[in-house]
């Protein structure tokens, strides 16, 4: 079974659009997301365009603020503080990566916790690990939705997460734990990695290396979630961290790249923006 994040996200966005359509009558306005784009990195521009399109579909107000990559750190932080204080703004997202002279940690910390739609603020991260209400990072949230949509029982399963980033690996491991999976976090320095991955009933791969997971690393019937987005060194086409053609025959459920986890990330960003808006209204 190949799970299409594209189809699921389209359905969820249609449901959100219905919900948002009722907001002007109830709250006097719709949620407002502000995306800050520094510089003109092609991948970042493409992501930001995707976010604007999704906002349009859902009926969320979207403002993209474009700044040159020469902007100083202080100028960027001042802009964020201005948006924090603006009552008409519900969600703030600064597209990463940022130019070398700007501290990503400082930028993330400066965004108000209640407007942090990415779920990266230290207080949102702390709340996730303490099982407190919080905004959950979009990609991990989307992965859990995909698993549930595919009818995968997470509770009691052995899950292996390859990758330990703050954006995907660590939060998805925590969400799987919260769903009662037994979770192992592996990474590039794990010894005997194939031996470990073959024990996985659910395998989440977010290591950032094209076609890293091969057929011999996966057991029959494993659920495989591929978070990677890479350029195939041979063909130049987009590919995941999993060798899809080789692994797909063995997997019971697998996500494609593109069209798997990616669309769910943007879908969950829309959901997070609505959640931030509703929390502020209440």
C-alpha atoms as a PDB file:
ATOM      1  CA  UNK A   1       0.000   0.000   0.000  1.00  0.00           C
ATOM      2  CA  UNK A   2       1.477   3.338  -1.085  1.00  0.00           C
ATOM      3  CA  UNK A   3       0.111   6.150   1.116  1.00  0.00           C
ATOM      4  CA  UNK A   4      -0.476   9.334  -0.811  1.00  0.00           C
ATOM      5  CA  UNK A   5       0.119  12.356   1.378  1.00  0.00           C
ATOM      6  CA  UNK A   6      -1.134  14.373  -1.575  1.00  0.00           C
ATOM      7  CA  UNK A   7      -4.633  12.858  -1.424  1.00  0.00           C
ATOM      8  CA  UNK A   8      -4.918  12.943   2.356  1.00  0.00           C
ATOM      9  CA  UNK A   9      -3.737  16.554   2.556  1.00  0.00           C
ATOM     10  CA  UNK A  10      -6.234  17.600  -0.142  1.00  0.00           C
ATOM     11  CA  UNK A  11      -9.051  16.036   1.873  1.00  0.00           C
ATOM     12  CA  UNK A  12      -7.924  17.606   5.155  1.00  0.00           C
ATOM     13  CA  UNK A  13      -7.493  21.031   3.529  1.00  0.00           C
ATOM     14  CA  UNK A  14     -11.052  20.823   2.170  1.00  0.00           C
ATOM     15  CA  UNK A  15     -12.306  20.086   5.717  1.00  0.00           C
ATOM     16  CA  UNK A  16     -10.289  23.026   7.102  1.00  0.00           C
ATOM     17  CA  UNK A  17     -11.680  25.326   4.391  1.00  0.00           C
ATOM     18  CA  UNK A  18     -15.207  24.499   5.590  1.00  0.00           C
ATOM     19  CA  UNK A  19     -14.212  25.252   9.178  1.00  0.00           C
ATOM     20  CA  UNK A  20     -12.485  28.558   8.282  1.00  0.00           C
ATOM     21  CA  UNK A  21     -15.466  29.689   6.174  1.00  0.00           C
ATOM     22  CA  UNK A  22     -17.456  30.020   9.415  1.00  0.00           C
ATOM     23  CA  UNK A  23     -14.817  32.137  11.215  1.00  0.00           C
ATOM     24  CA  UNK A  24     -15.714  35.636   9.899  1.00  0.00           C
ATOM     25  CA  UNK A  25     -19.281  35.285  11.248  1.00  0.00           C
ATOM     26  CA  UNK A  26     -18.031  33.864  14.552  1.00  0.00           C
ATOM     27  CA  UNK A  27     -14.780  35.807  15.180  1.00  0.00           C
ATOM     28  CA  UNK A  28     -14.920  38.679  12.689  1.00  0.00           C
ATOM     29  CA  UNK A  29     -11.924  37.479  10.645  1.00  0.00           C
ATOM     30  CA  UNK A  30      -9.923  34.491   9.376  1.00  0.00           C
ATOM     31  CA  UNK A  31      -6.518  33.301  10.699  1.00  0.00           C
ATOM     32  CA  UNK A  32      -3.496  35.257   9.448  1.00  0.00           C
ATOM     33  CA  UNK A  33      -0.135  33.585   8.746  1.00  0.00           C
ATOM     34  CA  UNK A  34       2.989  35.670   8.081  1.00  0.00           C
ATOM     35  CA  UNK A  35       5.913  33.928   6.373  1.00  0.00           C
ATOM     36  CA  UNK A  36       9.325  35.625   6.339  1.00  0.00           C
ATOM     37  CA  UNK A  37      11.641  34.649   3.491  1.00  0.00           C
ATOM     38  CA  UNK A  38      15.262  35.807   3.707  1.00  0.00           C
ATOM     39  CA  UNK A  39      17.214  35.656   0.432  1.00  0.00           C
ATOM     40  CA  UNK A  40      16.236  33.715  -2.686  1.00  0.00           C
ATOM     41  CA  UNK A  41      17.298  30.105  -2.145  1.00  0.00           C
ATOM     42  CA  UNK A  42      15.278  28.199  -4.839  1.00  0.00           C
ATOM     43  CA  UNK A  43      14.119  25.441  -2.444  1.00  0.00           C
ATOM     44  CA  UNK A  44      12.985  28.011   0.148  1.00  0.00           C
ATOM     45  CA  UNK A  45      11.160  30.058  -2.500  1.00  0.00           C
ATOM     46  CA  UNK A  46       9.382  26.893  -3.668  1.00  0.00           C
ATOM     47  CA  UNK A  47       8.338  25.964  -0.081  1.00  0.00           C
ATOM     48  CA  UNK A  48       7.055  29.483   0.608  1.00  0.00           C
ATOM     49  CA  UNK A  49       5.038  29.466  -2.639  1.00  0.00           C
ATOM     50  CA  UNK A  50       3.526  26.116  -1.604  1.00  0.00           C
ATOM     51  CA  UNK A  51       2.528  27.573   1.774  1.00  0.00           C
ATOM     52  CA  UNK A  52       0.851  30.562   0.101  1.00  0.00           C
ATOM     53  CA  UNK A  53      -1.107  28.253  -2.254  1.00  0.00           C
ATOM     54  CA  UNK A  54      -2.260  26.037   0.636  1.00  0.00           C
ATOM     55  CA  UNK A  55      -3.374  29.127   2.597  1.00  0.00           C
ATOM     56  CA  UNK A  56      -5.466  30.181  -0.392  1.00  0.00           C
ATOM     57  CA  UNK A  57      -7.152  26.751  -0.562  1.00  0.00           C
ATOM     58  CA  UNK A  58      -7.935  26.739   3.177  1.00  0.00           C
ATOM     59  CA  UNK A  59      -9.042  30.389   3.237  1.00  0.00           C
ATOM     60  CA  UNK A  60      -6.299  31.602   5.578  1.00  0.00           C
ATOM     61  CA  UNK A  61      -4.865  35.086   5.064  1.00  0.00           C
ATOM     62  CA  UNK A  62      -1.216  34.728   4.049  1.00  0.00           C
ATOM     63  CA  UNK A  63       1.425  37.455   3.957  1.00  0.00           C
ATOM     64  CA  UNK A  64       4.905  36.709   2.627  1.00  0.00           C
ATOM     65  CA  UNK A  65       7.562  39.206   3.742  1.00  0.00           C
ATOM     66  CA  UNK A  66      10.643  38.979   1.535  1.00  0.00           C
ATOM     67  CA  UNK A  67      13.963  40.316   2.810  1.00  0.00           C
ATOM     68  CA  UNK A  68      17.412  40.321   1.140  1.00  0.00           C
ATOM     69  CA  UNK A  69      20.038  37.945   2.556  1.00  0.00           C
ATOM     70  CA  UNK A  70      22.005  41.037   3.603  1.00  0.00           C
ATOM     71  CA  UNK A  71      19.450  41.822   6.349  1.00  0.00           C
ATOM     72  CA  UNK A  72      21.132  42.047   9.740  1.00  0.00           C
ATOM     73  CA  UNK A  73      20.187  39.707  12.573  1.00  0.00           C
ATOM     74  CA  UNK A  74      18.927  42.671  14.638  1.00  0.00           C
ATOM     75  CA  UNK A  75      16.689  43.898  11.796  1.00  0.00           C
ATOM     76  CA  UNK A  76      15.149  40.449  11.425  1.00  0.00           C
ATOM     77  CA  UNK A  77      14.575  40.094  15.188  1.00  0.00           C
ATOM     78  CA  UNK A  78      12.997  43.584  15.264  1.00  0.00           C
ATOM     79  CA  UNK A  79      10.609  42.547  12.466  1.00  0.00           C
ATOM     80  CA  UNK A  80       9.622  39.399  14.416  1.00  0.00           C
ATOM     81  CA  UNK A  81       8.987  41.445  17.602  1.00  0.00           C
ATOM     82  CA  UNK A  82       6.780  43.786  15.556  1.00  0.00           C
ATOM     83  CA  UNK A  83       4.722  40.802  14.316  1.00  0.00           C
ATOM     84  CA  UNK A  84       4.545  39.367  17.869  1.00  0.00           C
ATOM     85  CA  UNK A  85       2.908  42.628  18.974  1.00  0.00           C
ATOM     86  CA  UNK A  86       0.515  42.757  15.991  1.00  0.00           C
ATOM     87  CA  UNK A  87      -2.908  41.520  17.096  1.00  0.00           C
ATOM     88  CA  UNK A  88      -3.986  40.744  13.538  1.00  0.00           C
ATOM     89  CA  UNK A  89      -1.195  38.135  13.145  1.00  0.00           C
ATOM     90  CA  UNK A  90      -1.844  34.597  14.461  1.00  0.00           C
ATOM     91  CA  UNK A  91       1.102  32.643  13.069  1.00  0.00           C
ATOM     92  CA  UNK A  92       4.718  33.584  12.286  1.00  0.00           C
ATOM     93  CA  UNK A  93       7.064  31.368  10.287  1.00  0.00           C
ATOM     94  CA  UNK A  94      10.642  32.193   9.318  1.00  0.00           C
ATOM     95  CA  UNK A  95      11.708  29.971   6.420  1.00  0.00           C
ATOM     96  CA  UNK A  96      14.897  28.060   7.228  1.00  0.00           C
ATOM     97  CA  UNK A  97      17.801  27.817   6.474  1.00  0.00           C
ATOM     98  CA  UNK A  98      18.938  31.398   7.169  1.00  0.00           C
ATOM     99  CA  UNK A  99      22.170  33.121   6.012  1.00  0.00           C
ATOM    100  CA  UNK A 100      25.245  32.203   8.105  1.00  0.00           C
ATOM    101  CA  UNK A 101      25.391  35.555   9.946  1.00  0.00           C
ATOM    102  CA  UNK A 102      21.941  35.049  11.506  1.00  0.00           C
ATOM    103  CA  UNK A 103      21.431  32.715  14.474  1.00  0.00           C
ATOM    104  CA  UNK A 104      18.519  30.356  13.771  1.00  0.00           C
ATOM    105  CA  UNK A 105      18.209  29.624  17.510  1.00  0.00           C
ATOM    106  CA  UNK A 106      17.790  33.345  18.314  1.00  0.00           C
ATOM    107  CA  UNK A 107      15.204  33.749  15.553  1.00  0.00           C
ATOM    108  CA  UNK A 108      13.174  30.740  16.755  1.00  0.00           C
ATOM    109  CA  UNK A 109      13.320  31.945  20.388  1.00  0.00           C
ATOM    110  CA  UNK A 110      12.176  35.453  19.416  1.00  0.00           C
ATOM    111  CA  UNK A 111       8.932  34.251  17.793  1.00  0.00           C
ATOM    112  CA  UNK A 112       6.163  34.366  20.433  1.00  0.00           C
ATOM    113  CA  UNK A 113       5.361  30.822  21.620  1.00  0.00           C
ATOM    114  CA  UNK A 114       1.639  31.326  20.887  1.00  0.00           C
ATOM    115  CA  UNK A 115       2.396  32.377  17.285  1.00  0.00           C
ATOM    116  CA  UNK A 116       5.032  29.679  16.609  1.00  0.00           C
ATOM    117  CA  UNK A 117       3.238  27.639  13.918  1.00  0.00           C
ATOM    118  CA  UNK A 118       6.384  25.565  13.225  1.00  0.00           C
ATOM    119  CA  UNK A 119       6.413  24.192  16.776  1.00  0.00           C
ATOM    120  CA  UNK A 120      10.163  24.914  17.083  1.00  0.00           C
ATOM    121  CA  UNK A 121      10.100  27.367  20.037  1.00  0.00           C
ATOM    122  CA  UNK A 122      11.941  25.916  23.080  1.00  0.00           C
ATOM    123  CA  UNK A 123       8.764  26.249  25.187  1.00  0.00           C
ATOM    124  CA  UNK A 124       6.693  24.322  22.611  1.00  0.00           C
ATOM    125  CA  UNK A 125       9.403  21.633  22.456  1.00  0.00           C
ATOM    126  CA  UNK A 126       9.496  21.418  26.272  1.00  0.00           C
ATOM    127  CA  UNK A 127       5.695  21.195  26.426  1.00  0.00           C
ATOM    128  CA  UNK A 128       5.726  18.315  23.894  1.00  0.00           C
ATOM    129  CA  UNK A 129       8.162  16.319  26.051  1.00  0.00           C
ATOM    130  CA  UNK A 130       6.138  17.083  29.193  1.00  0.00           C
ATOM    131  CA  UNK A 131       2.816  16.093  27.574  1.00  0.00           C
ATOM    132  CA  UNK A 132       1.485  19.652  27.917  1.00  0.00           C
ATOM    133  CA  UNK A 133      -0.716  21.378  25.286  1.00  0.00           C
ATOM    134  CA  UNK A 134       1.560  22.794  22.570  1.00  0.00           C
ATOM    135  CA  UNK A 135       2.038  23.392  18.881  1.00  0.00           C
ATOM    136  CA  UNK A 136       3.567  20.220  17.406  1.00  0.00           C
ATOM    137  CA  UNK A 137       6.157  20.436  14.592  1.00  0.00           C
ATOM    138  CA  UNK A 138       4.417  19.994  11.222  1.00  0.00           C
ATOM    139  CA  UNK A 139       6.341  17.055   9.694  1.00  0.00           C
ATOM    140  CA  UNK A 140       6.122  14.732  12.748  1.00  0.00           C
ATOM    141  CA  UNK A 141       2.444  15.617  13.160  1.00  0.00           C
ATOM    142  CA  UNK A 142       1.857  14.779   9.475  1.00  0.00           C
ATOM    143  CA  UNK A 143       3.650  11.430   9.825  1.00  0.00           C
ATOM    144  CA  UNK A 144       1.317  10.318  12.639  1.00  0.00           C
ATOM    145  CA  UNK A 145      -1.709  11.361  10.545  1.00  0.00           C
ATOM    146  CA  UNK A 146      -0.385   9.317   7.590  1.00  0.00           C
ATOM    147  CA  UNK A 147       0.102   6.223   9.764  1.00  0.00           C
ATOM    148  CA  UNK A 148      -3.412   6.498  11.185  1.00  0.00           C
ATOM    149  CA  UNK A 149      -4.881   7.115   7.734  1.00  0.00           C
ATOM    150  CA  UNK A 150      -3.216   3.901   6.504  1.00  0.00           C
ATOM    151  CA  UNK A 151      -4.855   2.016   9.370  1.00  0.00           C
ATOM    152  CA  UNK A 152      -1.501   1.234  10.999  1.00  0.00           C
ATOM    153  CA  UNK A 153      -1.751   0.218  14.650  1.00  0.00           C
ATOM    154  CA  UNK A 154       1.070   2.093  16.382  1.00  0.00           C
ATOM    155  CA  UNK A 155       0.449   0.898  19.933  1.00  0.00           C
ATOM    156  CA  UNK A 156       2.788  -1.921  21.004  1.00  0.00           C
ATOM    157  CA  UNK A 157       4.812  -1.819  17.759  1.00  0.00           C
ATOM    158  CA  UNK A 158       8.592  -1.627  17.505  1.00  0.00           C
ATOM    159  CA  UNK A 159       9.412   1.664  15.800  1.00  0.00           C
ATOM    160  CA  UNK A 160      12.867   2.711  14.597  1.00  0.00           C
ATOM    161  CA  UNK A 161      13.537   6.342  13.697  1.00  0.00           C
ATOM    162  CA  UNK A 162      16.700   7.001  11.659  1.00  0.00           C
ATOM    163  CA  UNK A 163      17.697  10.619  12.274  1.00  0.00           C
ATOM    164  CA  UNK A 164      17.803  12.749  15.412  1.00  0.00           C
ATOM    165  CA  UNK A 165      17.124  16.305  14.233  1.00  0.00           C
ATOM    166  CA  UNK A 166      15.064  18.718  16.333  1.00  0.00           C
ATOM    167  CA  UNK A 167      12.728  19.175  13.369  1.00  0.00           C
ATOM    168  CA  UNK A 168      11.837  15.533  12.611  1.00  0.00           C
ATOM    169  CA  UNK A 169      13.744  12.721  14.346  1.00  0.00           C
ATOM    170  CA  UNK A 170      13.332  13.682  17.999  1.00  0.00           C
ATOM    171  CA  UNK A 171       9.723  14.972  17.878  1.00  0.00           C
ATOM    172  CA  UNK A 172       8.450  12.048  15.770  1.00  0.00           C
ATOM    173  CA  UNK A 173      10.069   9.621  18.240  1.00  0.00           C
ATOM    174  CA  UNK A 174       8.181  11.376  21.059  1.00  0.00           C
ATOM    175  CA  UNK A 175       4.851  11.281  19.172  1.00  0.00           C
ATOM    176  CA  UNK A 176       5.328   7.548  18.483  1.00  0.00           C
ATOM    177  CA  UNK A 177       6.060   7.029  22.196  1.00  0.00           C
ATOM    178  CA  UNK A 178       2.863   8.932  23.025  1.00  0.00           C
ATOM    179  CA  UNK A 179       1.018   6.469  20.761  1.00  0.00           C
ATOM    180  CA  UNK A 180       2.537   3.626  22.862  1.00  0.00           C
ATOM    181  CA  UNK A 181       5.114   2.384  20.356  1.00  0.00           C
ATOM    182  CA  UNK A 182       8.490   1.117  21.621  1.00  0.00           C
ATOM    183  CA  UNK A 183      10.913   3.512  19.992  1.00  0.00           C
ATOM    184  CA  UNK A 184      14.601   3.286  19.081  1.00  0.00           C
ATOM    185  CA  UNK A 185      16.374   6.358  17.684  1.00  0.00           C
ATOM    186  CA  UNK A 186      19.222   5.489  15.290  1.00  0.00           C
ATOM    187  CA  UNK A 187      21.563   7.753  13.340  1.00  0.00           C
ATOM    188  CA  UNK A 188      24.672   7.884  11.135  1.00  0.00           C
ATOM    189  CA  UNK A 189      26.910   6.605  13.962  1.00  0.00           C
ATOM    190  CA  UNK A 190      24.709   3.665  14.970  1.00  0.00           C
ATOM    191  CA  UNK A 191      26.678   0.411  14.892  1.00  0.00           C
ATOM    192  CA  UNK A 192      25.054  -2.497  12.962  1.00  0.00           C
ATOM    193  CA  UNK A 193      22.254  -0.263  11.700  1.00  0.00           C
ATOM    194  CA  UNK A 194      20.767  -2.859   9.258  1.00  0.00           C
ATOM    195  CA  UNK A 195      20.451  -5.351  12.109  1.00  0.00           C
ATOM    196  CA  UNK A 196      18.441  -2.771  14.068  1.00  0.00           C
ATOM    197  CA  UNK A 197      16.239  -1.616  11.174  1.00  0.00           C
ATOM    198  CA  UNK A 198      15.301  -5.208  10.327  1.00  0.00           C
ATOM    199  CA  UNK A 199      13.643  -5.416  13.768  1.00  0.00           C
ATOM    200  CA  UNK A 200      11.415  -2.423  13.018  1.00  0.00           C
ATOM    201  CA  UNK A 201       7.708  -2.859  12.400  1.00  0.00           C
ATOM    202  CA  UNK A 202       7.508   0.881  11.713  1.00  0.00           C
ATOM    203  CA  UNK A 203      10.556   2.547  10.141  1.00  0.00           C
ATOM    204  CA  UNK A 204      10.766   6.359   9.871  1.00  0.00           C
ATOM    205  CA  UNK A 205      13.737   7.554   7.810  1.00  0.00           C
ATOM    206  CA  UNK A 206      14.942  11.160   8.084  1.00  0.00           C
ATOM    207  CA  UNK A 207      18.694  11.017   7.577  1.00  0.00           C
ATOM    208  CA  UNK A 208      19.059  13.223   4.482  1.00  0.00           C
ATOM    209  CA  UNK A 209      20.967  10.743   2.299  1.00  0.00           C
ATOM    210  CA  UNK A 210      19.546   9.676  -1.081  1.00  0.00           C
ATOM    211  CA  UNK A 211      18.341   6.034  -1.239  1.00  0.00           C
ATOM    212  CA  UNK A 212      20.163   5.282   2.038  1.00  0.00           C
ATOM    213  CA  UNK A 213      17.788   2.509   3.167  1.00  0.00           C
ATOM    214  CA  UNK A 214      18.110  -0.547   0.937  1.00  0.00           C
ATOM    215  CA  UNK A 215      16.009  -3.724   0.687  1.00  0.00           C
ATOM    216  CA  UNK A 216      18.329  -5.742   2.969  1.00  0.00           C
ATOM    217  CA  UNK A 217      17.695  -3.243   5.802  1.00  0.00           C
ATOM    218  CA  UNK A 218      13.943  -3.887   5.876  1.00  0.00           C
ATOM    219  CA  UNK A 219      11.941  -6.956   6.932  1.00  0.00           C
ATOM    220  CA  UNK A 220       8.841  -8.226   5.115  1.00  0.00           C
ATOM    221  CA  UNK A 221       5.698  -6.288   6.047  1.00  0.00           C
ATOM    222  CA  UNK A 222       7.420  -3.242   7.567  1.00  0.00           C
ATOM    223  CA  UNK A 223       5.669   0.140   7.484  1.00  0.00           C
ATOM    224  CA  UNK A 224       8.146   2.584   5.888  1.00  0.00           C
ATOM    225  CA  UNK A 225       7.837   6.373   6.182  1.00  0.00           C
ATOM    226  CA  UNK A 226      10.366   8.257   4.034  1.00  0.00           C
ATOM    227  CA  UNK A 227      10.912  11.870   5.122  1.00  0.00           C
ATOM    228  CA  UNK A 228      13.914  12.573   2.884  1.00  0.00           C
ATOM    229  CA  UNK A 229      13.881  14.946  -0.075  1.00  0.00           C
ATOM    230  CA  UNK A 230      17.092  14.649  -2.081  1.00  0.00           C
ATOM    231  CA  UNK A 231      18.323  14.973  -5.653  1.00  0.00           C
ATOM    232  CA  UNK A 232      19.236  11.570  -7.034  1.00  0.00           C
ATOM    233  CA  UNK A 233      22.973  11.845  -7.863  1.00  0.00           C
ATOM    234  CA  UNK A 234      22.485   9.703 -10.989  1.00  0.00           C
ATOM    235  CA  UNK A 235      19.245  11.026 -12.500  1.00  0.00           C
ATOM    236  CA  UNK A 236      18.951  14.472 -10.887  1.00  0.00           C
ATOM    237  CA  UNK A 237      15.323  13.645 -10.010  1.00  0.00           C
ATOM    238  CA  UNK A 238      13.790  14.023  -6.561  1.00  0.00           C
ATOM    239  CA  UNK A 239      14.180  10.945  -4.390  1.00  0.00           C
ATOM    240  CA  UNK A 240      13.822   9.982  -0.752  1.00  0.00           C
ATOM    241  CA  UNK A 241      16.128   8.494   1.876  1.00  0.00           C
ATOM    242  CA  UNK A 242      14.708   5.073   0.984  1.00  0.00           C
ATOM    243  CA  UNK A 243      15.471   3.151  -2.205  1.00  0.00           C
ATOM    244  CA  UNK A 244      11.766   3.063  -3.104  1.00  0.00           C
ATOM    245  CA  UNK A 245      11.922   0.600  -6.022  1.00  0.00           C
ATOM    246  CA  UNK A 246      13.864  -1.959  -3.956  1.00  0.00           C
ATOM    247  CA  UNK A 247      12.018  -1.554  -0.641  1.00  0.00           C
ATOM    248  CA  UNK A 248       8.424  -1.179  -1.876  1.00  0.00           C
ATOM    249  CA  UNK A 249       7.886  -4.916  -2.643  1.00  0.00           C
ATOM    250  CA  UNK A 250       8.800  -5.810   0.971  1.00  0.00           C
ATOM    251  CA  UNK A 251       6.895  -3.031   2.755  1.00  0.00           C
ATOM    252  CA  UNK A 252       3.271  -3.391   3.836  1.00  0.00           C
ATOM    253  CA  UNK A 253       2.875   0.400   3.713  1.00  0.00           C
ATOM    254  CA  UNK A 254       5.286   2.960   2.214  1.00  0.00           C
ATOM    255  CA  UNK A 255       5.281   6.688   1.416  1.00  0.00           C
ATOM    256  CA  UNK A 256       6.532   7.904  -1.974  1.00  0.00           C
ATOM    257  CA  UNK A 257       8.849  10.874  -2.609  1.00  0.00           C
ATOM    258  CA  UNK A 258       7.565  13.263  -3.796  1.00  0.00           C
ATOM    259  CA  UNK A 259       3.886  13.152  -2.749  1.00  0.00           C
ATOM    260  CA  UNK A 260       4.205  11.411   0.618  1.00  0.00           C
ATOM    261  CA  UNK A 261       5.240  13.263   3.769  1.00  0.00           C
ATOM    262  CA  UNK A 262       5.855  16.645   2.034  1.00  0.00           C
ATOM    263  CA  UNK A 263       2.219  17.615   1.348  1.00  0.00           C
ATOM    264  CA  UNK A 264       1.313  16.621   4.931  1.00  0.00           C
ATOM    265  CA  UNK A 265       3.881  19.054   6.350  1.00  0.00           C
ATOM    266  CA  UNK A 266       2.184  22.010   4.650  1.00  0.00           C
ATOM    267  CA  UNK A 267      -1.251  20.621   5.556  1.00  0.00           C
ATOM    268  CA  UNK A 268      -0.265  20.490   9.257  1.00  0.00           C
ATOM    269  CA  UNK A 269       1.117  24.032   9.014  1.00  0.00           C
ATOM    270  CA  UNK A 270      -2.403  25.150   8.024  1.00  0.00           C
ATOM    271  CA  UNK A 271      -3.840  23.173  10.947  1.00  0.00           C
ATOM    272  CA  UNK A 272      -1.312  24.728  13.365  1.00  0.00           C
ATOM    273  CA  UNK A 273      -2.192  28.236  12.123  1.00  0.00           C
ATOM    274  CA  UNK A 274      -5.890  27.558  12.781  1.00  0.00           C
ATOM    275  CA  UNK A 275      -5.063  26.143  16.240  1.00  0.00           C
ATOM    276  CA  UNK A 276      -2.957  29.226  17.137  1.00  0.00           C
ATOM    277  CA  UNK A 277      -5.801  31.475  15.949  1.00  0.00           C
ATOM    278  CA  UNK A 278      -8.416  29.609  18.005  1.00  0.00           C
ATOM    279  CA  UNK A 279      -6.255  29.573  21.154  1.00  0.00           C
ATOM    280  CA  UNK A 280      -5.839  33.350  20.853  1.00  0.00           C
ATOM    281  CA  UNK A 281      -9.592  33.830  20.325  1.00  0.00           C
ATOM    282  CA  UNK A 282     -10.404  31.783  23.412  1.00  0.00           C
END
